[in-house]
């Protein structure tokens, strides 16, 4: 049975689908689902929604570093969130039902921050490819993630009618000092674009540092 909890008078429309989940999991569903509702149990949906349309927030920081403001891509946009994934995974029936709801509700853009493991199935069998094709046929742009594996040939959601976005890097670095129990100070530098490396120089004239 399809269940929906629309909130059309506010900035949000929220719905959820679990027919596919219940069919696949059967009687075990109650022990796996935290909230049989649109409520976000993992934080992933809230996080990705804030990237798309989060309001401006002042004094953000990364562990006390890099303080500044931040906002989503379209902070004045109205959010329509469709929960189609559960603790045990995402099911094609629920994904397609969410696409159908979004098309019916008249959204302008669909952001799909999920995807299968690579290699992905064919366009005629993959739920995201099928759902996004129906969306673009109705004039709705579908933006999707390319996956998190990070290895050559691992990108997914590559149907030609989708806008696929991969992870990016920045040349910004964050530096801070750590004092060890023996009194030695280590400078820790976080880079988003470099692998972990350690400089093992402990001379008096140079403070050792660790880069992440």
C-alpha atoms as a PDB file:
ATOM      1  CA  UNK A   1       0.000   0.000   0.000  1.00  0.00           C
ATOM      2  CA  UNK A   2       1.326   3.412  -0.916  1.00  0.00           C
ATOM      3  CA  UNK A   3       1.517   5.911   1.884  1.00  0.00           C
ATOM      4  CA  UNK A   4       2.054   9.616   1.578  1.00  0.00           C
ATOM      5  CA  UNK A   5       2.266  12.566   3.925  1.00  0.00           C
ATOM      6  CA  UNK A   6       2.115  15.719   1.789  1.00  0.00           C
ATOM      7  CA  UNK A   7       2.702  19.096   3.405  1.00  0.00           C
ATOM      8  CA  UNK A   8       1.721  21.412   0.594  1.00  0.00           C
ATOM      9  CA  UNK A   9       1.262  24.613   2.598  1.00  0.00           C
ATOM     10  CA  UNK A  10       4.893  24.854   3.649  1.00  0.00           C
ATOM     11  CA  UNK A  11       8.266  24.926   1.947  1.00  0.00           C
ATOM     12  CA  UNK A  12       8.269  21.124   1.897  1.00  0.00           C
ATOM     13  CA  UNK A  13       6.499  18.238   0.211  1.00  0.00           C
ATOM     14  CA  UNK A  14       7.425  14.956   1.860  1.00  0.00           C
ATOM     15  CA  UNK A  15       6.397  11.435   0.846  1.00  0.00           C
ATOM     16  CA  UNK A  16       7.681   7.913   1.211  1.00  0.00           C
ATOM     17  CA  UNK A  17       7.373   4.599  -0.609  1.00  0.00           C
ATOM     18  CA  UNK A  18       7.999   1.111   0.754  1.00  0.00           C
ATOM     19  CA  UNK A  19       5.985  -1.313  -1.383  1.00  0.00           C
ATOM     20  CA  UNK A  20       9.160  -2.678  -2.939  1.00  0.00           C
ATOM     21  CA  UNK A  21      10.879  -2.865   0.413  1.00  0.00           C
ATOM     22  CA  UNK A  22       8.011  -4.755   2.060  1.00  0.00           C
ATOM     23  CA  UNK A  23       7.708  -7.155  -0.859  1.00  0.00           C
ATOM     24  CA  UNK A  24      11.419  -7.968  -0.841  1.00  0.00           C
ATOM     25  CA  UNK A  25      11.919  -8.094   2.920  1.00  0.00           C
ATOM     26  CA  UNK A  26       8.572  -9.582   3.950  1.00  0.00           C
ATOM     27  CA  UNK A  27       8.085 -10.067   7.673  1.00  0.00           C
ATOM     28  CA  UNK A  28      11.506  -8.734   8.588  1.00  0.00           C
ATOM     29  CA  UNK A  29      10.578  -5.142   7.698  1.00  0.00           C
ATOM     30  CA  UNK A  30       9.637  -4.066  11.214  1.00  0.00           C
ATOM     31  CA  UNK A  31      13.066  -4.928  12.581  1.00  0.00           C
ATOM     32  CA  UNK A  32      14.905  -3.076   9.822  1.00  0.00           C
ATOM     33  CA  UNK A  33      12.914   0.129   9.289  1.00  0.00           C
ATOM     34  CA  UNK A  34      13.553   2.815  11.901  1.00  0.00           C
ATOM     35  CA  UNK A  35      10.747   5.124  10.819  1.00  0.00           C
ATOM     36  CA  UNK A  36       7.875   4.044   8.557  1.00  0.00           C
ATOM     37  CA  UNK A  37       7.416   7.656   7.523  1.00  0.00           C
ATOM     38  CA  UNK A  38       9.237  10.282   5.461  1.00  0.00           C
ATOM     39  CA  UNK A  39      11.475  10.950   8.478  1.00  0.00           C
ATOM     40  CA  UNK A  40      15.189  10.756   7.722  1.00  0.00           C
ATOM     41  CA  UNK A  41      16.839   8.135   9.924  1.00  0.00           C
ATOM     42  CA  UNK A  42      20.399   8.413   8.586  1.00  0.00           C
ATOM     43  CA  UNK A  43      20.833  12.122   7.779  1.00  0.00           C
ATOM     44  CA  UNK A  44      21.686  11.466   4.126  1.00  0.00           C
ATOM     45  CA  UNK A  45      18.435  12.870   2.730  1.00  0.00           C
ATOM     46  CA  UNK A  46      18.603  15.985   4.921  1.00  0.00           C
ATOM     47  CA  UNK A  47      22.220  16.535   3.914  1.00  0.00           C
ATOM     48  CA  UNK A  48      21.575  16.268   0.180  1.00  0.00           C
ATOM     49  CA  UNK A  49      18.439  18.425   0.436  1.00  0.00           C
ATOM     50  CA  UNK A  50      20.500  21.151   2.106  1.00  0.00           C
ATOM     51  CA  UNK A  51      23.016  21.012  -0.754  1.00  0.00           C
ATOM     52  CA  UNK A  52      20.194  21.575  -3.232  1.00  0.00           C
ATOM     53  CA  UNK A  53      18.176  24.234  -1.413  1.00  0.00           C
ATOM     54  CA  UNK A  54      19.600  24.964   2.024  1.00  0.00           C
ATOM     55  CA  UNK A  55      19.125  28.491   3.364  1.00  0.00           C
ATOM     56  CA  UNK A  56      22.143  30.684   4.062  1.00  0.00           C
ATOM     57  CA  UNK A  57      23.905  29.874   7.333  1.00  0.00           C
ATOM     58  CA  UNK A  58      26.482  32.143   8.944  1.00  0.00           C
ATOM     59  CA  UNK A  59      29.608  31.151  10.854  1.00  0.00           C
ATOM     60  CA  UNK A  60      29.951  27.643   9.489  1.00  0.00           C
ATOM     61  CA  UNK A  61      33.284  25.913  10.010  1.00  0.00           C
ATOM     62  CA  UNK A  62      35.167  22.666   9.528  1.00  0.00           C
ATOM     63  CA  UNK A  63      36.296  21.539  12.963  1.00  0.00           C
ATOM     64  CA  UNK A  64      36.731  25.160  13.977  1.00  0.00           C
ATOM     65  CA  UNK A  65      38.620  26.002  10.767  1.00  0.00           C
ATOM     66  CA  UNK A  66      37.593  27.805   7.605  1.00  0.00           C
ATOM     67  CA  UNK A  67      34.791  29.809   9.207  1.00  0.00           C
ATOM     68  CA  UNK A  68      32.389  31.441   6.766  1.00  0.00           C
ATOM     69  CA  UNK A  69      28.901  31.335   5.318  1.00  0.00           C
ATOM     70  CA  UNK A  70      27.315  28.571   3.303  1.00  0.00           C
ATOM     71  CA  UNK A  71      24.118  27.865   1.418  1.00  0.00           C
ATOM     72  CA  UNK A  72      22.546  25.399  -0.984  1.00  0.00           C
ATOM     73  CA  UNK A  73      22.413  25.824  -4.735  1.00  0.00           C
ATOM     74  CA  UNK A  74      18.937  27.401  -4.777  1.00  0.00           C
ATOM     75  CA  UNK A  75      18.173  28.561  -1.205  1.00  0.00           C
ATOM     76  CA  UNK A  76      14.744  29.995  -2.062  1.00  0.00           C
ATOM     77  CA  UNK A  77      13.542  26.841  -3.785  1.00  0.00           C
ATOM     78  CA  UNK A  78      10.782  24.657  -2.379  1.00  0.00           C
ATOM     79  CA  UNK A  79      11.896  21.158  -1.418  1.00  0.00           C
ATOM     80  CA  UNK A  80       9.973  18.019  -2.356  1.00  0.00           C
ATOM     81  CA  UNK A  81      11.544  14.979  -0.664  1.00  0.00           C
ATOM     82  CA  UNK A  82      10.632  11.423  -1.591  1.00  0.00           C
ATOM     83  CA  UNK A  83      11.978   8.690   0.679  1.00  0.00           C
ATOM     84  CA  UNK A  84      12.570   5.539  -1.364  1.00  0.00           C
ATOM     85  CA  UNK A  85      15.505   3.957   0.464  1.00  0.00           C
ATOM     86  CA  UNK A  86      15.580   2.025   3.721  1.00  0.00           C
ATOM     87  CA  UNK A  87      18.226   0.574   5.994  1.00  0.00           C
ATOM     88  CA  UNK A  88      18.524  -2.521   3.818  1.00  0.00           C
ATOM     89  CA  UNK A  89      18.822  -0.605   0.560  1.00  0.00           C
ATOM     90  CA  UNK A  90      16.828   0.964  -2.274  1.00  0.00           C
ATOM     91  CA  UNK A  91      14.262  -0.978  -4.271  1.00  0.00           C
ATOM     92  CA  UNK A  92      13.336  -0.355  -7.902  1.00  0.00           C
ATOM     93  CA  UNK A  93       9.586  -0.232  -7.259  1.00  0.00           C
ATOM     94  CA  UNK A  94      10.019   2.464  -4.621  1.00  0.00           C
ATOM     95  CA  UNK A  95      12.464   4.476  -6.732  1.00  0.00           C
ATOM     96  CA  UNK A  96      10.094   4.455  -9.715  1.00  0.00           C
ATOM     97  CA  UNK A  97       7.153   5.391  -7.467  1.00  0.00           C
ATOM     98  CA  UNK A  98       9.155   8.358  -6.172  1.00  0.00           C
ATOM     99  CA  UNK A  99       9.911   9.469  -9.734  1.00  0.00           C
ATOM    100  CA  UNK A 100       6.210   9.191 -10.590  1.00  0.00           C
ATOM    101  CA  UNK A 101       5.284  11.305  -7.580  1.00  0.00           C
ATOM    102  CA  UNK A 102       7.833  13.978  -8.426  1.00  0.00           C
ATOM    103  CA  UNK A 103       6.586  14.171 -12.017  1.00  0.00           C
ATOM    104  CA  UNK A 104       2.961  14.308 -10.842  1.00  0.00           C
ATOM    105  CA  UNK A 105       3.777  17.017  -8.290  1.00  0.00           C
ATOM    106  CA  UNK A 106       5.284  19.184 -11.017  1.00  0.00           C
ATOM    107  CA  UNK A 107       8.812  19.621  -9.696  1.00  0.00           C
ATOM    108  CA  UNK A 108      11.304  21.519 -11.854  1.00  0.00           C
ATOM    109  CA  UNK A 109      14.458  19.531 -11.048  1.00  0.00           C
ATOM    110  CA  UNK A 110      14.997  16.087  -9.540  1.00  0.00           C
ATOM    111  CA  UNK A 111      18.190  15.517  -7.573  1.00  0.00           C
ATOM    112  CA  UNK A 112      18.965  11.805  -7.206  1.00  0.00           C
ATOM    113  CA  UNK A 113      21.771  11.243  -4.720  1.00  0.00           C
ATOM    114  CA  UNK A 114      21.828   7.464  -4.982  1.00  0.00           C
ATOM    115  CA  UNK A 115      22.894   4.828  -7.422  1.00  0.00           C
ATOM    116  CA  UNK A 116      23.819   1.172  -7.919  1.00  0.00           C
ATOM    117  CA  UNK A 117      27.198  -0.441  -7.630  1.00  0.00           C
ATOM    118  CA  UNK A 118      29.150  -0.471 -10.863  1.00  0.00           C
ATOM    119  CA  UNK A 119      28.897  -1.817 -13.461  1.00  0.00           C
ATOM    120  CA  UNK A 120      25.372  -0.478 -13.734  1.00  0.00           C
ATOM    121  CA  UNK A 121      22.623  -2.369 -15.532  1.00  0.00           C
ATOM    122  CA  UNK A 122      21.310  -1.454 -18.962  1.00  0.00           C
ATOM    123  CA  UNK A 123      19.136   1.582 -19.535  1.00  0.00           C
ATOM    124  CA  UNK A 124      16.070  -0.599 -20.045  1.00  0.00           C
ATOM    125  CA  UNK A 125      16.445  -2.419 -16.725  1.00  0.00           C
ATOM    126  CA  UNK A 126      17.900   0.188 -14.370  1.00  0.00           C
ATOM    127  CA  UNK A 127      15.257   2.004 -12.299  1.00  0.00           C
ATOM    128  CA  UNK A 128      17.073   5.342 -12.163  1.00  0.00           C
ATOM    129  CA  UNK A 129      17.657   5.362 -15.922  1.00  0.00           C
ATOM    130  CA  UNK A 130      13.994   4.520 -16.571  1.00  0.00           C
ATOM    131  CA  UNK A 131      12.630   7.010 -14.045  1.00  0.00           C
ATOM    132  CA  UNK A 132      14.874   9.805 -15.248  1.00  0.00           C
ATOM    133  CA  UNK A 133      13.835   9.155 -18.857  1.00  0.00           C
ATOM    134  CA  UNK A 134      10.172   9.652 -17.919  1.00  0.00           C
ATOM    135  CA  UNK A 135      11.127  12.800 -16.006  1.00  0.00           C
ATOM    136  CA  UNK A 136      13.044  14.368 -18.898  1.00  0.00           C
ATOM    137  CA  UNK A 137      10.191  13.410 -21.212  1.00  0.00           C
ATOM    138  CA  UNK A 138       8.046  15.641 -19.006  1.00  0.00           C
ATOM    139  CA  UNK A 139      10.528  18.516 -19.113  1.00  0.00           C
ATOM    140  CA  UNK A 140      12.148  17.802 -15.735  1.00  0.00           C
ATOM    141  CA  UNK A 141      15.936  17.820 -15.480  1.00  0.00           C
ATOM    142  CA  UNK A 142      17.409  14.941 -13.447  1.00  0.00           C
ATOM    143  CA  UNK A 143      20.728  15.545 -11.705  1.00  0.00           C
ATOM    144  CA  UNK A 144      22.409  12.483 -10.237  1.00  0.00           C
ATOM    145  CA  UNK A 145      25.596  11.431  -8.500  1.00  0.00           C
ATOM    146  CA  UNK A 146      28.255   9.441 -10.329  1.00  0.00           C
ATOM    147  CA  UNK A 147      28.975   7.167  -7.368  1.00  0.00           C
ATOM    148  CA  UNK A 148      31.526   7.069  -4.577  1.00  0.00           C
ATOM    149  CA  UNK A 149      33.919   4.320  -5.643  1.00  0.00           C
ATOM    150  CA  UNK A 150      36.426   6.730  -7.169  1.00  0.00           C
ATOM    151  CA  UNK A 151      38.099   4.129  -9.363  1.00  0.00           C
ATOM    152  CA  UNK A 152      38.548   4.303 -13.109  1.00  0.00           C
ATOM    153  CA  UNK A 153      35.414   3.105 -14.882  1.00  0.00           C
ATOM    154  CA  UNK A 154      33.334   3.138 -11.682  1.00  0.00           C
ATOM    155  CA  UNK A 155      30.985   6.023 -12.563  1.00  0.00           C
ATOM    156  CA  UNK A 156      27.276   5.231 -12.622  1.00  0.00           C
ATOM    157  CA  UNK A 157      24.057   7.027 -13.604  1.00  0.00           C
ATOM    158  CA  UNK A 158      25.446   7.799 -17.052  1.00  0.00           C
ATOM    159  CA  UNK A 159      22.272   7.740 -19.138  1.00  0.00           C
ATOM    160  CA  UNK A 160      22.604  10.464 -21.801  1.00  0.00           C
ATOM    161  CA  UNK A 161      19.379  12.181 -20.668  1.00  0.00           C
ATOM    162  CA  UNK A 162      20.731  12.773 -17.142  1.00  0.00           C
ATOM    163  CA  UNK A 163      23.117  15.387 -15.769  1.00  0.00           C
ATOM    164  CA  UNK A 164      25.658  13.358 -13.807  1.00  0.00           C
ATOM    165  CA  UNK A 165      27.850  15.056 -11.217  1.00  0.00           C
ATOM    166  CA  UNK A 166      31.021  13.479  -9.847  1.00  0.00           C
ATOM    167  CA  UNK A 167      32.872  14.359  -6.650  1.00  0.00           C
ATOM    168  CA  UNK A 168      35.195  17.322  -6.898  1.00  0.00           C
ATOM    169  CA  UNK A 169      38.246  18.605  -5.065  1.00  0.00           C
ATOM    170  CA  UNK A 170      39.445  21.945  -3.814  1.00  0.00           C
ATOM    171  CA  UNK A 171      42.942  23.347  -3.406  1.00  0.00           C
ATOM    172  CA  UNK A 172      42.105  24.719   0.027  1.00  0.00           C
ATOM    173  CA  UNK A 173      43.992  23.364   3.033  1.00  0.00           C
ATOM    174  CA  UNK A 174      43.332  23.544   6.769  1.00  0.00           C
ATOM    175  CA  UNK A 175      46.236  23.593   9.218  1.00  0.00           C
ATOM    176  CA  UNK A 176      46.296  23.122  12.979  1.00  0.00           C
ATOM    177  CA  UNK A 177      48.743  21.993  15.651  1.00  0.00           C
ATOM    178  CA  UNK A 178      48.554  18.877  17.821  1.00  0.00           C
ATOM    179  CA  UNK A 179      50.619  18.563  20.995  1.00  0.00           C
ATOM    180  CA  UNK A 180      51.728  15.012  21.796  1.00  0.00           C
ATOM    181  CA  UNK A 181      52.215  13.614  25.296  1.00  0.00           C
ATOM    182  CA  UNK A 182      55.992  13.989  24.955  1.00  0.00           C
ATOM    183  CA  UNK A 183      55.650  17.702  24.272  1.00  0.00           C
ATOM    184  CA  UNK A 184      56.302  17.555  20.533  1.00  0.00           C
ATOM    185  CA  UNK A 185      54.028  19.671  18.358  1.00  0.00           C
ATOM    186  CA  UNK A 186      52.816  18.256  15.042  1.00  0.00           C
ATOM    187  CA  UNK A 187      51.275  20.435  12.374  1.00  0.00           C
ATOM    188  CA  UNK A 188      48.312  18.624  10.785  1.00  0.00           C
ATOM    189  CA  UNK A 189      47.274  19.822   7.339  1.00  0.00           C
ATOM    190  CA  UNK A 190      44.107  18.578   5.688  1.00  0.00           C
ATOM    191  CA  UNK A 191      43.991  18.658   1.873  1.00  0.00           C
ATOM    192  CA  UNK A 192      41.002  17.386  -0.048  1.00  0.00           C
ATOM    193  CA  UNK A 193      43.152  16.674  -3.068  1.00  0.00           C
ATOM    194  CA  UNK A 194      46.115  14.788  -1.575  1.00  0.00           C
ATOM    195  CA  UNK A 195      46.488  11.266  -0.152  1.00  0.00           C
ATOM    196  CA  UNK A 196      47.628  10.720   3.409  1.00  0.00           C
ATOM    197  CA  UNK A 197      51.333  11.331   3.882  1.00  0.00           C
ATOM    198  CA  UNK A 198      53.588  11.860   6.883  1.00  0.00           C
ATOM    199  CA  UNK A 199      56.773  13.884   7.102  1.00  0.00           C
ATOM    200  CA  UNK A 200      59.113  12.216   9.596  1.00  0.00           C
ATOM    201  CA  UNK A 201      61.466  15.133  10.219  1.00  0.00           C
ATOM    202  CA  UNK A 202      61.901  15.843  13.939  1.00  0.00           C
ATOM    203  CA  UNK A 203      64.685  18.402  13.831  1.00  0.00           C
ATOM    204  CA  UNK A 204      64.531  21.327  16.247  1.00  0.00           C
ATOM    205  CA  UNK A 205      64.406  23.810  13.391  1.00  0.00           C
ATOM    206  CA  UNK A 206      61.340  22.223  11.858  1.00  0.00           C
ATOM    207  CA  UNK A 207      58.013  21.192  13.331  1.00  0.00           C
ATOM    208  CA  UNK A 208      56.889  17.840  11.914  1.00  0.00           C
ATOM    209  CA  UNK A 209      53.605  17.900  10.067  1.00  0.00           C
ATOM    210  CA  UNK A 210      51.034  15.428   8.882  1.00  0.00           C
ATOM    211  CA  UNK A 211      49.041  15.957   5.706  1.00  0.00           C
ATOM    212  CA  UNK A 212      45.634  14.428   5.099  1.00  0.00           C
END
